[in-house]
Amino acid sequence: MKTHGNERRTLFGVELDPLTMDETVGRCLEAVRDGRQLEIGVVNAAKLVNMRRDQRLADAVSGCDLVVADGQAVVWAGRVLRAPLPERVAGIDLFMRLLAEAETAGISVYFLGAKEEVLAQMLRRVEDRFPGLKVAGSRNGYFDDSQQEAIAGAIADSGAQMLFLGMTSPKKEIFTAAYGERTGARVVHGVGGSFDILAGVTRRAPEAWQRWGVEWLYRALQEPRRLGKRYLTTNTAFVLMTVRELMRPTPSPASANRSH
């Protein structure tokens, strides 16, 4: 269904939509209003690296209707590689904006992900923050692949118009690719660890850290054993990917013409 007013940018072979946060929110509200489904993919440095190693993840992200830059490093790489993106569209910020818009417009939402106790705490905080929000349903994110179809059916039965997936990659992307349409939700947005942040289980980096593109470091400092080596590995790989892309010779007009 991919119809885009803005011409997409290609970065590391992945097509991204050069949208601002406001434009992305606008696209989501249009989809709900028009009864179309919009699957949103968000990419940061780590995910772009992992997409090269995991074809299922690459296919799932590429299959999304909108793909936006979740990480500041992706925006910087876009500038360096002449595929400019207007700004970072952080998954958690888009999540919060959509919850606020859903409350105002009477749009129903469904939350899928996190541990049961984290989900319960998040739902309490959502109710405090968005008292008028219509929550069609929720479920924790711990299930076998064999349960995916039944879960998608339950979401469809709830009538939810927006679906938020608080699960890790590539699980959320693969679920969206396989069963996003089956859920009947007009907007499907994978928000990763945002449920944990909203529940108060993990803290988000201060704005200064976000602006400098080191939100990953703040997260790694909170969970050094789990995230330290992972971020170091993927960030190094991302820098090398960017340098390799920058060093790649561009074909001259003459040689390009000869190839036609």
Protein backbone atom coordinates (compact mmCIF):
# COMPACT_ATOMS: atom_id res chain seq x y z
CA MET A 1 0.00 0.00 0.00
CA LYS A 2 3.02 2.28 0.15
CA THR A 3 1.94 5.75 -0.95
CA HIS A 4 4.31 8.49 0.11
CA GLY A 5 4.15 12.22 -0.45
CA ASN A 6 7.82 12.57 0.49
CA GLU A 7 10.39 10.80 -1.65
CA ARG A 8 12.08 8.10 0.38
CA ARG A 9 15.78 8.15 1.27
CA THR A 10 17.93 5.05 0.85
CA LEU A 11 20.43 4.42 3.64
CA PHE A 12 22.48 1.19 3.74
CA GLY A 13 20.04 -0.26 1.22
CA VAL A 14 17.05 0.48 3.49
CA GLU A 15 14.33 2.90 2.39
CA LEU A 16 13.40 5.48 5.03
CA ASP A 17 10.67 8.11 5.05
CA PRO A 18 12.04 11.64 5.56
CA LEU A 19 9.27 12.74 7.92
CA THR A 20 9.16 14.99 10.95
CA MET A 21 7.40 13.88 14.13
CA ASP A 22 4.37 16.05 13.29
CA GLU A 23 4.16 14.58 9.78
CA THR A 24 4.40 11.03 11.13
CA VAL A 25 1.60 11.67 13.65
CA GLY A 26 -0.46 13.20 10.84
CA ARG A 27 0.00 10.09 8.68
CA CYS A 28 -1.15 7.90 11.57
CA LEU A 29 -4.30 9.93 12.20
CA GLU A 30 -5.08 9.94 8.45
CA ALA A 31 -4.83 6.13 8.40
CA VAL A 32 -7.32 5.82 11.27
CA ARG A 33 -9.65 8.34 9.66
CA ASP A 34 -9.47 6.69 6.21
CA GLY A 35 -9.72 3.12 7.51
CA ARG A 36 -6.31 2.14 6.09
CA GLN A 37 -3.68 0.14 7.89
CA LEU A 38 -0.32 1.76 8.57
CA GLU A 39 2.52 -0.39 9.91
CA ILE A 40 5.32 1.74 11.34
CA GLY A 41 8.93 0.63 11.40
CA VAL A 42 11.55 2.50 13.42
CA VAL A 43 15.29 2.00 12.90
CA ASN A 44 18.29 2.93 15.01
CA ALA A 45 21.97 2.09 14.52
CA ALA A 46 21.69 -1.32 16.19
CA LYS A 47 18.68 -2.36 14.14
CA LEU A 48 20.32 -1.33 10.85
CA VAL A 49 23.33 -3.46 11.79
CA ASN A 50 21.12 -6.41 12.78
CA MET A 51 19.09 -6.14 9.57
CA ARG A 52 22.27 -7.06 7.70
CA ARG A 53 22.62 -10.20 9.81
CA ASP A 54 18.95 -11.22 10.03
CA GLN A 55 17.03 -11.44 6.75
CA ARG A 56 13.68 -11.97 8.50
CA LEU A 57 14.16 -8.72 10.41
CA ALA A 58 15.25 -6.90 7.23
CA ASP A 59 12.21 -8.17 5.31
CA ALA A 60 9.84 -7.29 8.18
CA VAL A 61 11.12 -3.70 8.48
CA SER A 62 11.20 -3.19 4.71
CA GLY A 63 7.59 -4.38 4.56
CA CYS A 64 6.38 -1.56 6.84
CA ASP A 65 4.37 1.27 5.32
CA LEU A 66 6.44 3.92 7.11
CA VAL A 67 10.06 3.54 8.20
CA VAL A 68 11.45 6.40 10.29
CA ALA A 69 14.76 7.19 12.00
CA ASP A 70 14.45 6.30 15.69
CA GLY A 71 18.12 6.97 16.46
CA GLN A 72 20.09 10.23 16.25
CA ALA A 73 23.02 8.29 14.77
CA VAL A 74 20.80 7.37 11.79
CA VAL A 75 20.00 11.06 11.20
CA TRP A 76 23.72 11.92 11.33
CA ALA A 77 24.60 9.07 8.95
CA GLY A 78 21.90 10.31 6.57
CA ARG A 79 23.54 13.76 6.48
CA VAL A 80 27.02 12.33 5.93
CA LEU A 81 25.83 9.97 3.18
CA ARG A 82 23.66 12.60 1.44
CA ALA A 83 20.37 10.93 2.30
CA PRO A 84 19.13 13.68 4.64
CA LEU A 85 16.36 13.00 7.14
CA PRO A 86 14.67 16.02 8.77
CA GLU A 87 14.82 14.81 12.37
CA ARG A 88 14.77 11.87 14.70
CA VAL A 89 11.33 10.33 15.22
CA ALA A 90 11.94 8.46 18.47
CA GLY A 91 9.63 5.49 18.94
CA ILE A 92 8.74 6.39 22.54
CA ASP A 93 8.01 10.03 21.64
CA LEU A 94 5.77 8.92 18.77
CA PHE A 95 4.07 6.50 21.20
CA MET A 96 3.31 9.29 23.68
CA ARG A 97 2.09 11.64 20.97
CA LEU A 98 -0.25 8.97 19.59
CA LEU A 99 -1.66 8.20 23.06
CA ALA A 100 -2.44 11.90 23.54
CA GLU A 101 -4.05 12.15 20.08
CA ALA A 102 -6.01 8.93 20.68
CA GLU A 103 -7.38 10.29 23.96
CA THR A 104 -8.49 13.53 22.29
CA ALA A 105 -10.03 11.84 19.23
CA GLY A 106 -11.64 8.88 21.04
CA ILE A 107 -9.43 6.34 19.25
CA SER A 108 -9.21 2.95 21.00
CA VAL A 109 -5.82 1.35 21.68
CA TYR A 110 -4.37 -2.05 22.55
CA PHE A 111 -1.11 -2.75 24.39
CA LEU A 112 0.81 -5.97 23.68
CA GLY A 113 4.11 -6.62 25.43
CA ALA A 114 6.28 -6.59 28.56
CA LYS A 115 5.97 -8.80 31.66
CA GLU A 116 2.55 -9.01 33.31
CA GLU A 117 3.54 -6.90 36.33
CA VAL A 118 5.23 -4.26 34.15
CA LEU A 119 2.19 -4.10 31.88
CA ALA A 120 -0.11 -3.65 34.87
CA GLN A 121 2.04 -0.83 36.26
CA MET A 122 2.17 0.84 32.83
CA LEU A 123 -1.62 0.64 32.48
CA ARG A 124 -2.02 2.37 35.85
CA ARG A 125 0.31 5.17 34.78
CA VAL A 126 -1.40 5.50 31.39
CA GLU A 127 -4.76 5.84 33.15
CA ASP A 128 -3.34 8.60 35.38
CA ARG A 129 -1.78 10.46 32.46
CA PHE A 130 -4.51 9.92 29.85
CA PRO A 131 -7.72 9.44 31.87
CA GLY A 132 -9.95 9.70 28.80
CA LEU A 133 -8.05 7.12 26.74
CA LYS A 134 -10.10 4.18 25.46
CA VAL A 135 -8.07 1.03 26.16
CA ALA A 136 -9.61 -1.80 24.15
CA GLY A 137 -7.38 -4.44 25.72
CA SER A 138 -3.88 -5.55 26.69
CA ARG A 139 -1.73 -8.67 26.95
CA ASN A 140 1.80 -9.43 28.14
CA GLY A 141 4.46 -10.11 25.52
CA TYR A 142 5.41 -13.61 26.61
CA PHE A 143 3.92 -16.12 24.21
CA ASP A 144 4.96 -18.86 21.80
CA ASP A 145 4.88 -18.42 18.03
CA SER A 146 2.00 -20.91 17.97
CA GLN A 147 -0.14 -18.39 19.90
CA GLN A 148 0.42 -15.46 17.55
CA GLU A 149 -2.62 -16.02 15.35
CA ALA A 150 -4.99 -16.35 18.33
CA ILE A 151 -3.55 -13.18 19.88
CA ALA A 152 -4.00 -11.28 16.61
CA GLY A 153 -7.61 -12.51 16.53
CA ALA A 154 -8.21 -11.31 20.09
CA ILE A 155 -6.87 -7.86 19.15
CA ALA A 156 -9.20 -7.79 16.13
CA ASP A 157 -12.15 -8.76 18.37
CA SER A 158 -11.30 -5.89 20.74
CA GLY A 159 -11.89 -3.37 17.95
CA ALA A 160 -8.66 -1.51 18.76
CA GLN A 161 -7.72 1.11 16.19
CA MET A 162 -4.11 1.51 17.34
CA LEU A 163 -1.85 -1.35 18.43
CA PHE A 164 1.36 -0.76 20.40
CA LEU A 165 3.88 -3.59 20.66
CA GLY A 166 6.21 -3.35 23.68
CA MET A 167 8.46 -6.20 22.57
CA THR A 168 12.09 -6.55 21.52
CA SER A 169 13.41 -6.87 17.97
CA PRO A 170 13.02 -8.95 15.92
CA LYS A 171 9.96 -10.41 17.70
CA LYS A 172 7.78 -7.33 17.27
CA GLU A 173 8.72 -6.83 13.60
CA ILE A 174 8.09 -10.48 12.76
CA PHE A 175 4.70 -10.43 14.56
CA THR A 176 3.74 -7.26 12.68
CA ALA A 177 4.78 -8.68 9.32
CA ALA A 178 2.91 -11.95 9.87
CA TYR A 179 -0.19 -10.82 11.76
CA GLY A 180 -0.36 -7.02 11.68
CA GLU A 181 -3.14 -7.07 9.10
CA ARG A 182 -5.04 -9.78 10.99
CA THR A 183 -5.24 -7.54 14.10
CA GLY A 184 -7.48 -5.08 12.25
CA ALA A 185 -5.67 -2.16 13.92
CA ARG A 186 -5.28 0.88 11.69
CA VAL A 187 -1.93 1.87 13.20
CA VAL A 188 0.58 -0.78 14.30
CA HIS A 189 3.61 0.65 16.10
CA GLY A 190 6.41 -1.38 17.70
CA VAL A 191 7.63 0.64 20.68
CA GLY A 192 10.32 -1.71 22.06
CA GLY A 193 11.19 -0.98 25.69
CA SER A 194 8.80 1.97 25.99
CA PHE A 195 6.41 0.01 28.24
CA ASP A 196 9.27 -0.42 30.76
CA ILE A 197 10.02 3.31 30.68
CA LEU A 198 6.36 4.29 31.01
CA ALA A 199 5.99 1.84 33.91
CA GLY A 200 9.00 3.38 35.66
CA VAL A 201 11.06 0.17 35.51
CA THR A 202 13.83 1.80 33.46
CA ARG A 203 14.69 5.49 33.15
CA ARG A 204 14.95 7.37 29.91
CA ALA A 205 18.07 9.38 29.16
CA PRO A 206 17.93 13.14 29.87
CA GLU A 207 17.26 15.34 26.82
CA ALA A 208 20.89 16.44 26.56
CA TRP A 209 21.99 12.80 26.18
CA GLN A 210 19.30 12.31 23.52
CA ARG A 211 20.43 15.39 21.57
CA TRP A 212 24.03 14.17 21.58
CA GLY A 213 22.95 10.76 20.32
CA VAL A 214 24.20 8.86 23.39
CA GLU A 215 20.88 7.63 24.75
CA TRP A 216 22.25 4.11 24.15
CA LEU A 217 25.08 4.83 26.60
CA TYR A 218 22.62 5.92 29.28
CA ARG A 219 20.70 2.65 28.82
CA ALA A 220 23.93 0.63 28.87
CA LEU A 221 24.95 2.26 32.15
CA GLN A 222 21.64 1.14 33.68
CA GLU A 223 22.08 -2.46 32.48
CA PRO A 224 25.82 -2.89 31.78
CA ARG A 225 25.84 -6.68 31.84
CA ARG A 226 22.94 -7.07 29.45
CA LEU A 227 23.50 -4.11 27.13
CA GLY A 228 27.13 -2.99 27.43
CA LYS A 229 28.78 -5.44 25.04
CA ARG A 230 25.77 -5.44 22.69
CA TYR A 231 25.81 -1.65 22.20
CA LEU A 232 29.60 -1.52 21.87
CA THR A 233 29.50 -4.20 19.17
CA THR A 234 26.61 -2.77 17.15
CA ASN A 235 27.78 0.85 17.41
CA THR A 236 31.25 -0.08 16.18
CA ALA A 237 29.69 -2.03 13.31
CA PHE A 238 27.46 0.96 12.46
CA VAL A 239 30.41 3.37 12.32
CA LEU A 240 32.28 0.93 10.04
CA MET A 241 29.18 0.57 7.83
CA THR A 242 28.98 4.35 7.50
CA VAL A 243 32.70 4.73 6.69
CA ARG A 244 32.53 1.93 4.10
CA GLU A 245 29.51 3.57 2.48
CA LEU A 246 31.28 6.94 2.46
CA MET A 247 34.41 5.46 0.85
CA ARG A 248 32.46 3.65 -1.84
CA PRO A 249 33.23 5.28 -5.21
CA THR A 250 30.26 6.89 -6.94
CA PRO A 251 29.93 6.09 -10.65
CA SER A 252 30.78 8.98 -12.95
CA PRO A 253 28.02 10.24 -15.30
CA ALA A 254 29.96 8.87 -18.29
CA SER A 255 30.23 5.35 -16.85
CA ALA A 256 26.58 5.50 -15.72
CA ASN A 257 25.54 6.39 -19.27
CA ARG A 258 27.62 3.53 -20.71
CA SER A 259 25.82 1.07 -18.46
CA HIS A 260 22.40 2.02 -19.91
